[in-house]
Protein backbone atom coordinates (compact mmCIF):
# COMPACT_ATOMS: atom_id res chain seq x y z
CA MET A 1 -28.71 -20.14 -22.72
CA THR A 2 -25.36 -18.38 -22.52
CA LYS A 3 -22.53 -19.89 -20.56
CA PHE A 4 -22.60 -16.97 -18.13
CA PRO A 5 -26.22 -15.78 -17.66
CA LYS A 6 -25.12 -13.66 -14.69
CA LYS A 7 -23.04 -10.66 -15.71
CA LEU A 8 -21.57 -8.08 -13.35
CA ILE A 9 -20.29 -4.54 -13.86
CA LEU A 10 -18.21 -3.34 -10.92
CA ASN A 11 -18.28 0.43 -11.26
CA ALA A 12 -16.11 2.75 -9.17
CA ASP A 13 -17.78 6.10 -8.50
CA ASP A 14 -16.20 9.41 -7.45
CA TYR A 15 -13.04 9.03 -9.54
CA GLY A 16 -11.29 12.36 -9.20
CA ALA A 17 -12.63 13.18 -5.74
CA CYS A 18 -9.25 12.88 -3.98
CA LEU A 19 -5.90 11.13 -4.34
CA ALA A 20 -6.84 8.27 -1.98
CA VAL A 21 -9.85 7.45 -4.13
CA ASN A 22 -7.88 7.78 -7.35
CA ALA A 23 -5.12 5.45 -6.17
CA ALA A 24 -7.56 2.74 -5.08
CA ILE A 25 -9.55 2.92 -8.31
CA GLU A 26 -6.39 2.75 -10.40
CA GLU A 27 -5.16 -0.29 -8.47
CA LEU A 28 -8.46 -2.07 -9.11
CA ALA A 29 -8.49 -1.05 -12.76
CA LEU A 30 -4.99 -2.44 -13.27
CA ALA A 31 -6.16 -5.68 -11.64
CA ASN A 32 -8.84 -5.91 -14.38
CA LEU A 33 -11.66 -5.92 -11.85
CA LEU A 34 -13.56 -2.78 -12.78
CA GLY A 35 -16.16 -2.63 -15.51
CA GLY A 36 -16.20 1.13 -15.31
CA VAL A 37 -14.95 4.21 -13.53
CA SER A 38 -17.10 7.32 -13.20
CA VAL A 39 -15.17 10.58 -13.24
CA LEU A 40 -16.26 13.44 -11.00
CA ALA A 41 -15.53 16.37 -13.30
CA THR A 42 -15.95 18.75 -10.36
CA GLY A 43 -13.58 16.76 -8.14
CA GLU A 44 -10.39 18.18 -6.67
CA CYS A 45 -8.26 15.54 -8.43
CA TRP A 46 -10.11 15.10 -11.71
CA GLU A 47 -7.05 16.05 -13.76
CA SER A 48 -5.02 13.28 -12.12
CA ALA A 49 -7.77 10.83 -13.08
CA ILE A 50 -7.66 12.05 -16.67
CA GLY A 51 -3.92 11.43 -16.82
CA PHE A 52 -4.39 7.79 -15.85
CA LEU A 53 -7.23 7.27 -18.32
CA ARG A 54 -5.15 8.67 -21.17
CA GLU A 55 -2.47 6.10 -20.40
CA HIS A 56 -5.01 3.26 -20.05
CA PRO A 57 -7.61 3.68 -22.82
CA GLY A 58 -9.00 0.19 -22.18
CA VAL A 59 -10.62 1.38 -18.96
CA SER A 60 -14.34 2.14 -19.44
CA ALA A 61 -14.55 5.79 -18.44
CA GLY A 62 -17.86 7.41 -17.64
CA ILE A 63 -19.01 10.69 -16.18
CA HIS A 64 -20.31 11.03 -12.63
CA LEU A 65 -22.69 13.93 -13.16
CA ASN A 66 -22.76 16.17 -10.11
CA LEU A 67 -25.15 18.82 -8.83
CA VAL A 68 -24.88 18.46 -5.06
CA GLU A 69 -21.28 19.06 -3.99
CA GLY A 70 -18.36 21.39 -4.67
CA THR A 71 -18.33 24.19 -7.22
CA PRO A 72 -19.86 24.12 -10.71
CA VAL A 73 -17.91 23.83 -13.94
CA SER A 74 -20.18 26.26 -15.77
CA SER A 75 -19.85 30.00 -15.19
CA SER A 76 -23.31 30.71 -16.62
CA PRO A 77 -25.46 32.99 -14.43
CA ALA A 78 -28.33 30.57 -15.04
CA VAL A 79 -26.59 28.00 -12.84
CA GLY A 80 -26.97 30.34 -9.85
CA VAL A 81 -30.27 28.71 -8.91
CA LEU A 82 -28.28 25.57 -8.00
CA LEU A 83 -25.86 27.42 -5.70
CA ASP A 84 -25.72 28.67 -2.13
CA LYS A 85 -24.50 32.14 -1.14
CA LYS A 86 -20.86 30.98 -1.25
CA GLY A 87 -21.18 29.71 -4.82
CA SER A 88 -21.19 26.02 -3.89
CA LEU A 89 -23.65 23.49 -5.25
CA LEU A 90 -26.61 22.88 -2.94
CA PRO A 91 -27.41 19.54 -1.24
CA ARG A 92 -29.72 17.18 -3.10
CA ASN A 93 -32.89 17.91 -1.10
CA SER A 94 -32.39 21.64 -1.58
CA ILE A 95 -32.03 21.14 -5.33
CA LEU A 96 -35.25 19.12 -5.44
CA SER A 97 -37.05 21.76 -3.36
CA ARG A 98 -35.94 24.53 -5.71
CA TRP A 99 -37.03 22.46 -8.69
CA MET A 100 -40.53 22.20 -7.22
CA LEU A 101 -40.66 25.99 -6.88
CA SER A 102 -38.98 26.88 -10.20
CA PRO A 103 -38.97 23.81 -12.43
CA ARG A 104 -38.01 25.57 -15.67
CA ALA A 105 -35.14 27.55 -14.18
CA VAL A 106 -33.72 24.56 -12.32
CA SER A 107 -34.07 22.24 -15.32
CA LYS A 108 -32.27 24.77 -17.50
CA ALA A 109 -29.49 25.11 -14.92
CA ILE A 110 -29.08 21.35 -14.58
CA GLU A 111 -28.69 20.93 -18.33
CA ILE A 112 -26.17 23.77 -18.57
CA GLU A 113 -24.03 22.44 -15.73
CA TRP A 114 -24.12 18.80 -16.80
CA ARG A 115 -23.31 19.82 -20.35
CA ALA A 116 -20.26 21.71 -19.05
CA GLN A 117 -19.10 18.70 -17.05
CA ILE A 118 -19.42 16.38 -20.05
CA GLU A 119 -17.57 18.81 -22.30
CA ARG A 120 -14.76 19.18 -19.75
CA LEU A 121 -14.02 15.46 -20.01
CA LEU A 122 -14.51 15.26 -23.77
CA GLN A 123 -12.18 18.21 -24.32
CA ALA A 124 -9.62 16.42 -22.16
CA GLY A 125 -9.66 13.58 -24.70
CA ILE A 126 -11.75 11.05 -22.79
CA GLN A 127 -14.15 8.84 -24.73
CA LEU A 128 -17.13 8.37 -22.43
CA THR A 129 -18.70 4.90 -22.32
CA HIS A 130 -21.40 5.59 -19.73
CA ALA A 131 -22.98 8.14 -17.44
CA ASP A 132 -24.36 8.13 -13.90
CA SER A 133 -24.71 10.75 -11.19
CA HIS A 134 -23.51 11.72 -7.75
CA GLN A 135 -26.07 10.58 -5.15
CA HIS A 136 -28.12 9.14 -8.05
CA LEU A 137 -29.77 12.50 -8.71
CA HIS A 138 -30.46 11.52 -12.31
CA GLY A 139 -32.96 9.00 -10.95
CA PHE A 140 -35.37 11.86 -10.22
CA PRO A 141 -37.36 13.78 -12.85
CA PRO A 142 -36.54 15.99 -14.62
CA ALA A 143 -32.87 15.18 -14.18
CA PHE A 144 -33.31 11.74 -15.72
CA HIS A 145 -34.68 13.12 -18.97
CA ILE A 146 -31.86 15.67 -19.10
CA ALA A 147 -29.27 12.93 -18.59
CA LEU A 148 -30.90 10.80 -21.29
CA LYS A 149 -30.97 13.75 -23.70
CA LEU A 150 -27.30 14.54 -23.10
CA CYS A 151 -26.25 10.91 -23.49
CA ASP A 152 -27.97 10.85 -26.86
CA GLU A 153 -26.53 14.20 -27.94
CA TYR A 154 -22.95 13.42 -26.91
CA ARG A 155 -23.15 9.78 -28.02
CA ILE A 156 -22.58 8.37 -24.56
CA PRO A 157 -23.84 4.82 -25.15
CA ALA A 158 -24.97 3.76 -21.66
CA LEU A 159 -26.70 5.23 -18.62
CA ARG A 160 -26.98 3.78 -15.13
CA PHE A 161 -30.49 2.73 -14.13
CA PRO A 162 -30.17 2.85 -10.31
CA ARG A 163 -33.22 0.82 -9.30
CA GLU A 164 -32.01 -0.81 -6.09
CA GLN A 165 -32.57 -4.57 -5.89
CA ASN A 166 -31.30 -5.18 -2.36
CA GLN A 167 -33.96 -6.11 0.20
CA ILE A 168 -31.91 -5.31 3.30
CA LYS A 169 -33.50 -2.91 5.79
CA GLN A 170 -31.16 -0.03 5.16
CA ARG A 171 -31.98 3.37 3.63
CA THR A 172 -35.40 1.84 2.99
CA LEU A 173 -37.46 5.02 2.61
CA ALA A 174 -34.88 6.66 0.37
CA ALA A 175 -34.74 3.54 -1.83
CA ILE A 176 -38.53 3.45 -2.08
CA ALA A 177 -38.58 7.10 -3.18
CA LEU A 178 -35.84 6.55 -5.76
CA ASN A 179 -37.43 3.41 -7.18
CA ALA A 180 -40.85 5.07 -7.34
CA ASN A 181 -39.42 7.89 -9.45
CA LEU A 182 -37.60 5.44 -11.70
CA ARG A 183 -40.88 3.74 -12.58
CA PHE A 184 -41.95 6.95 -14.31
CA VAL A 185 -38.84 7.16 -16.48
CA HIS A 186 -38.11 3.52 -17.27
CA GLN A 187 -40.25 3.53 -20.39
CA ALA A 188 -38.34 6.50 -21.81
CA LEU A 189 -35.07 4.67 -21.30
CA ARG A 190 -36.37 1.49 -22.92
CA LYS A 191 -37.55 3.43 -25.98
CA SER A 192 -34.19 5.15 -26.40
CA SER A 193 -31.04 3.75 -28.00
CA ILE A 194 -29.13 4.23 -24.73
CA ARG A 195 -28.09 0.96 -23.12
CA HIS A 196 -28.41 0.28 -19.40
CA ASN A 197 -27.98 -2.30 -16.68
CA ASP A 198 -30.83 -4.71 -15.86
CA HIS A 199 -30.27 -4.72 -12.11
CA PHE A 200 -28.52 -2.44 -9.63
CA LEU A 201 -26.88 -2.67 -6.22
CA GLY A 202 -25.07 -0.05 -4.19
CA PHE A 203 -27.67 2.48 -3.10
CA LYS A 204 -28.51 0.85 0.22
CA ARG A 205 -24.94 -0.23 0.90
CA ALA A 206 -23.31 2.92 -0.49
CA GLY A 207 -19.68 2.87 0.60
CA GLU A 208 -20.25 -0.11 2.89
CA TYR A 209 -19.15 -3.12 0.86
CA GLY A 210 -16.84 -5.05 3.13
CA LEU A 211 -16.04 -8.64 2.20
CA ALA A 212 -19.09 -10.13 3.92
CA GLU A 213 -21.49 -7.69 2.27
CA LEU A 214 -19.92 -8.14 -1.15
CA LEU A 215 -20.03 -11.93 -1.00
CA THR A 216 -23.63 -11.90 0.24
CA ASP A 217 -24.94 -9.63 -2.50
CA VAL A 218 -22.97 -11.15 -5.36
CA SER A 219 -24.05 -14.66 -4.38
CA LEU A 220 -27.67 -13.57 -4.94
CA LEU A 221 -27.27 -12.00 -8.39
CA GLN A 222 -30.08 -12.49 -10.88
CA ASP A 223 -29.60 -13.41 -14.53
CA GLY A 224 -28.80 -10.41 -16.71
CA ILE A 225 -26.48 -7.46 -16.21
CA THR A 226 -26.10 -6.19 -12.65
CA GLU A 227 -24.16 -3.05 -11.85
CA ILE A 228 -22.71 -2.53 -8.38
CA ALA A 229 -21.79 1.07 -7.57
CA LEU A 230 -18.65 1.08 -5.44
CA HIS A 231 -16.65 3.74 -3.61
CA PRO A 232 -13.13 2.36 -3.12
CA SER A 233 -10.40 4.34 -1.40
CA LEU A 234 -7.02 3.71 0.21
CA GLU A 235 -8.54 4.90 3.47
CA ASN A 236 -11.83 4.37 5.24
CA ASN A 237 -13.75 7.60 5.90
CA SER A 238 -12.21 9.20 2.83
CA PRO A 239 -13.41 11.27 1.07
CA TYR A 240 -16.58 11.10 3.19
CA PRO A 241 -17.22 10.05 6.80
CA LYS A 242 -18.54 6.52 7.36
CA LEU A 243 -17.47 5.25 3.93
CA ARG A 244 -15.57 1.96 4.09
CA GLY A 245 -13.59 2.59 0.95
CA ASN A 246 -10.51 0.64 1.96
CA ASP A 247 -12.67 -2.30 3.05
CA GLU A 248 -14.26 -2.25 -0.40
CA ARG A 249 -10.86 -2.19 -2.07
CA LYS A 250 -9.65 -5.18 -0.05
CA ALA A 251 -12.87 -7.12 -0.64
CA LEU A 252 -12.63 -6.70 -4.41
CA LEU A 253 -9.01 -7.86 -4.40
CA SER A 254 -9.71 -10.86 -2.16
CA GLN A 255 -9.32 -14.47 -3.20
CA GLU A 256 -12.73 -15.21 -1.69
CA PHE A 257 -14.38 -12.87 -4.17
CA GLN A 258 -12.61 -14.48 -7.12
CA ILE A 259 -13.66 -17.93 -5.92
CA LEU A 260 -17.29 -16.83 -5.66
CA LEU A 261 -17.28 -15.42 -9.20
CA HIS A 262 -15.95 -18.74 -10.47
CA GLU A 263 -18.35 -20.88 -8.46
CA LYS A 264 -21.40 -18.86 -9.47
CA LYS A 265 -20.24 -18.56 -13.10
CA ILE A 266 -20.47 -14.78 -13.00
CA GLN A 267 -18.87 -12.89 -15.88
CA LEU A 268 -17.30 -9.49 -15.22
CA LEU A 269 -18.28 -6.98 -17.91
CA ARG A 270 -17.13 -3.52 -18.89
CA TRP A 271 -19.58 -0.82 -19.91
CA HIS A 272 -18.28 -0.77 -23.46
CA ASP A 273 -19.06 -4.50 -23.73
CA ILE A 274 -22.83 -4.16 -23.30
């Protein structure tokens, strides 16, 4: 048995969304708390994020694949099926509805857009250690298989497996739907060479990890590698309403959290360590 059977990746999502998010993520990265940051290549401040990552190559940088917010990176006409009349990416449920009506066209558009997002970061000089997606859209077929294909093609070594482990009564139906879809794709991930987390937290408590919630969930970690998806910010309600990003930032920096990690013998990992 290893000295630390419980291993934890603290991953900060939405890097590049806005300056408040960027500043909080960079503070946590410099404190050696984060096991990964996931860059939103469509974000308003993605170039600022890239500048920090170039100066700090030890930070595990991943891509936060997006289909549900903002404007696309790709200018291909094929991506039009993912857009509203103003040229913005559609909400998640609308994307899934269009996929049911036109699966081939939507699948093609997803691959084109995600490929463009990956290439934007690679061309900026970022070595990607992992991939995940905004609102966990890659957890639903066919997006999962596209993400897996692109990770293999671009040699991105790890992919988030967002099967929620938390039993709290929060976003229950959405979690059931996500986990049900993940059952269909888990075998494909296991057969691939792409690495992944064993356990996952952060879907039910998305953007709501205050100190109490963080201590509760981390105290119950199972053996193996658990990823927690976090959304830190310098301000609560930024970049999205109801997110407690500043509470998350403070909780991660707290002495109480460090004490718990020590008491429970939990090892913090980075994506490029797995």
